[in-house]
Protein backbone atom coordinates (compact mmCIF):
# COMPACT_ATOMS: atom_id res chain seq x y z
CA MET A 1 46.05 -29.54 10.25
CA GLY A 2 44.11 -27.67 7.54
CA GLN A 3 40.22 -27.73 8.07
CA ALA A 4 38.38 -28.72 4.55
CA ILE A 5 35.69 -26.48 3.63
CA LEU A 6 33.13 -28.86 1.80
CA LEU A 7 30.14 -26.99 0.12
CA ARG A 8 27.38 -28.36 -1.25
CA THR A 9 26.21 -27.02 -3.95
CA LEU A 10 22.35 -28.61 -4.93
CA THR A 11 20.58 -28.69 -8.13
CA GLU A 12 17.06 -30.03 -8.37
CA GLU A 13 18.24 -33.44 -8.00
CA SER A 14 20.30 -33.00 -5.35
CA ILE A 15 18.16 -34.33 -1.29
CA ILE A 16 17.95 -31.84 0.56
CA GLY A 17 18.88 -34.38 3.60
CA PHE A 18 18.60 -32.10 6.75
CA GLY A 19 15.28 -30.91 8.40
CA LYS A 20 11.66 -31.00 7.89
CA TRP A 21 13.15 -32.02 4.30
CA THR A 22 14.88 -34.52 4.51
CA ASP A 23 14.12 -37.06 1.68
CA LEU A 24 12.49 -34.54 -0.85
CA LYS A 25 14.92 -33.42 -3.75
CA VAL A 26 15.04 -29.71 -4.25
CA GLY A 27 13.16 -30.27 -7.42
CA ASP A 28 10.24 -31.51 -5.33
CA VAL A 29 10.18 -28.36 -2.20
CA LEU A 30 10.43 -26.14 -5.83
CA ALA A 31 6.97 -28.25 -7.09
CA LYS A 32 5.45 -27.29 -4.25
CA LYS A 33 6.66 -23.90 -4.66
CA TYR A 34 7.51 -23.74 -0.73
CA TYR A 35 10.65 -21.09 -2.37
CA VAL A 36 10.71 -19.30 1.25
CA GLN A 37 12.25 -22.32 2.68
CA ILE A 38 14.61 -22.23 0.26
CA ARG A 39 15.37 -18.81 0.31
CA TRP A 40 15.63 -19.87 3.84
CA ILE A 41 18.23 -22.38 3.36
CA TYR A 42 20.55 -20.06 1.00
CA TYR A 43 20.48 -17.16 3.56
CA ASN A 44 20.49 -19.00 7.00
CA CYS A 45 22.55 -22.34 5.90
CA SER A 46 26.46 -21.45 5.46
CA MET A 47 27.34 -24.17 3.69
CA ILE A 48 24.52 -24.63 1.10
CA THR A 49 23.99 -22.69 -2.05
CA PHE A 50 22.22 -23.60 -5.06
CA PHE A 51 22.78 -23.35 -9.18
CA ASP A 52 21.79 -19.83 -10.35
CA ASN A 53 18.93 -21.37 -12.34
CA ILE A 54 17.33 -22.38 -8.95
CA LEU A 55 17.65 -19.09 -7.23
CA GLU A 56 16.81 -16.79 -9.82
CA GLU A 57 12.97 -18.91 -9.76
CA VAL A 58 12.65 -18.62 -5.86
CA GLY A 59 13.45 -14.57 -6.29
CA ILE A 60 17.32 -14.46 -5.78
CA THR A 61 18.68 -12.55 -7.44
CA LYS A 62 23.25 -11.76 -8.99
CA GLY A 63 22.56 -8.29 -6.59
CA ASP A 64 21.02 -10.30 -3.88
CA ARG A 65 23.46 -13.03 -3.93
CA ILE A 66 25.91 -13.80 -0.20
CA GLU A 67 29.40 -14.44 -0.53
CA LYS A 68 29.47 -18.51 -0.04
CA PRO A 69 30.33 -19.86 2.71
CA GLY A 70 28.82 -17.85 4.38
CA LYS A 71 24.99 -16.73 6.01
CA ASN A 72 23.32 -13.78 6.35
CA PRO A 73 19.52 -13.64 8.05
CA ASP A 74 19.57 -10.06 8.05
CA LYS A 75 18.75 -10.31 4.21
CA PHE A 76 16.65 -12.51 3.93
CA LYS A 77 14.30 -11.18 6.47
CA GLU A 78 14.58 -8.19 4.19
CA LEU A 79 14.09 -9.74 0.98
CA GLN A 80 10.99 -11.83 2.78
CA LYS A 81 9.54 -8.28 3.39
CA ILE A 82 9.83 -7.27 -0.05
CA PHE A 83 8.20 -10.26 -1.09
CA VAL A 84 5.67 -10.06 1.19
CA LYS A 85 4.61 -6.14 0.06
CA TYR A 86 4.55 -7.65 -3.42
CA ARG A 87 2.48 -10.45 -2.53
CA SER A 88 -0.08 -8.15 -0.89
CA PHE A 89 0.27 -5.31 -3.59
CA LEU A 90 -0.86 -8.08 -6.22
CA ASN A 91 -3.56 -9.89 -3.88
CA ASN A 92 -4.87 -6.61 -3.15
CA SER A 93 -5.20 -4.85 -7.28
CA HIS A 94 -6.71 -8.57 -7.85
CA LEU A 95 -9.79 -7.31 -5.50
CA LYS A 96 -9.94 -3.47 -6.89
CA SER A 97 -10.30 -5.66 -10.59
CA LYS A 98 -13.10 -8.25 -9.88
CA ALA A 99 -15.02 -5.34 -7.37
CA ARG A 100 -15.08 -2.96 -10.98
CA LYS A 101 -15.95 -6.35 -12.35
CA ILE A 102 -18.79 -7.08 -10.49
CA ALA A 103 -20.30 -3.19 -9.84
CA ARG A 104 -20.04 -3.70 -13.98
CA GLY A 105 -22.18 -6.81 -13.91
CA LYS A 106 -19.35 -8.78 -15.76
CA ILE A 107 -18.89 -12.02 -13.36
CA SER A 108 -22.34 -13.97 -14.10
CA ASN A 109 -22.00 -15.46 -11.14
CA THR A 110 -22.88 -11.98 -9.13
CA ARG A 111 -25.44 -11.31 -11.29
CA ARG A 112 -29.39 -11.89 -9.19
CA VAL A 113 -30.71 -14.67 -10.15
CA GLU A 114 -34.72 -15.14 -9.47
CA ASN A 115 -35.90 -18.41 -7.68
CA ILE A 116 -37.36 -20.65 -9.69
CA ARG A 117 -39.11 -23.87 -8.49
CA TYR A 118 -39.88 -26.20 -10.63
CA SER A 119 -42.04 -28.95 -10.29
CA LYS A 120 -41.40 -32.21 -8.84
CA GLY A 121 -42.11 -33.92 -12.52
CA VAL A 122 -39.48 -31.50 -13.51
CA MET A 123 -36.59 -31.42 -11.11
CA GLN A 124 -37.09 -36.03 -11.66
CA SER A 125 -35.91 -35.39 -15.34
CA LYS A 126 -33.71 -33.03 -15.16
CA ASN A 127 -31.87 -35.55 -12.14
CA GLN A 128 -32.00 -38.63 -14.44
CA GLY A 129 -29.99 -36.85 -17.10
CA HIS A 130 -33.35 -36.12 -19.89
């Protein structure tokens, strides 16, 4: 007898049904931005795939897709390294931009503020909403 191949194609409303997210829908995992886990499922579970819009959202382009049924954990690791490098690049560029703004004094909370001492009466009126 031939063996039936049951390939699951998941939508945003599909329940994952295994592992840590047994009761969660794919849309819930996407809403929490757990893109790494969706990519892991795609590359490591041979009988599970996703619709194109979900794959695009998690960063799997048409060139990075694999033939299903099948799995390719090495492709997942390779793609994950690219995402980590890209994320660290964005973080570093953000830090450099913030450092420039601080040096120019454009971020108000980084300017030096003199400690001003208020009297007890002034503080009471501030706290009472006057």
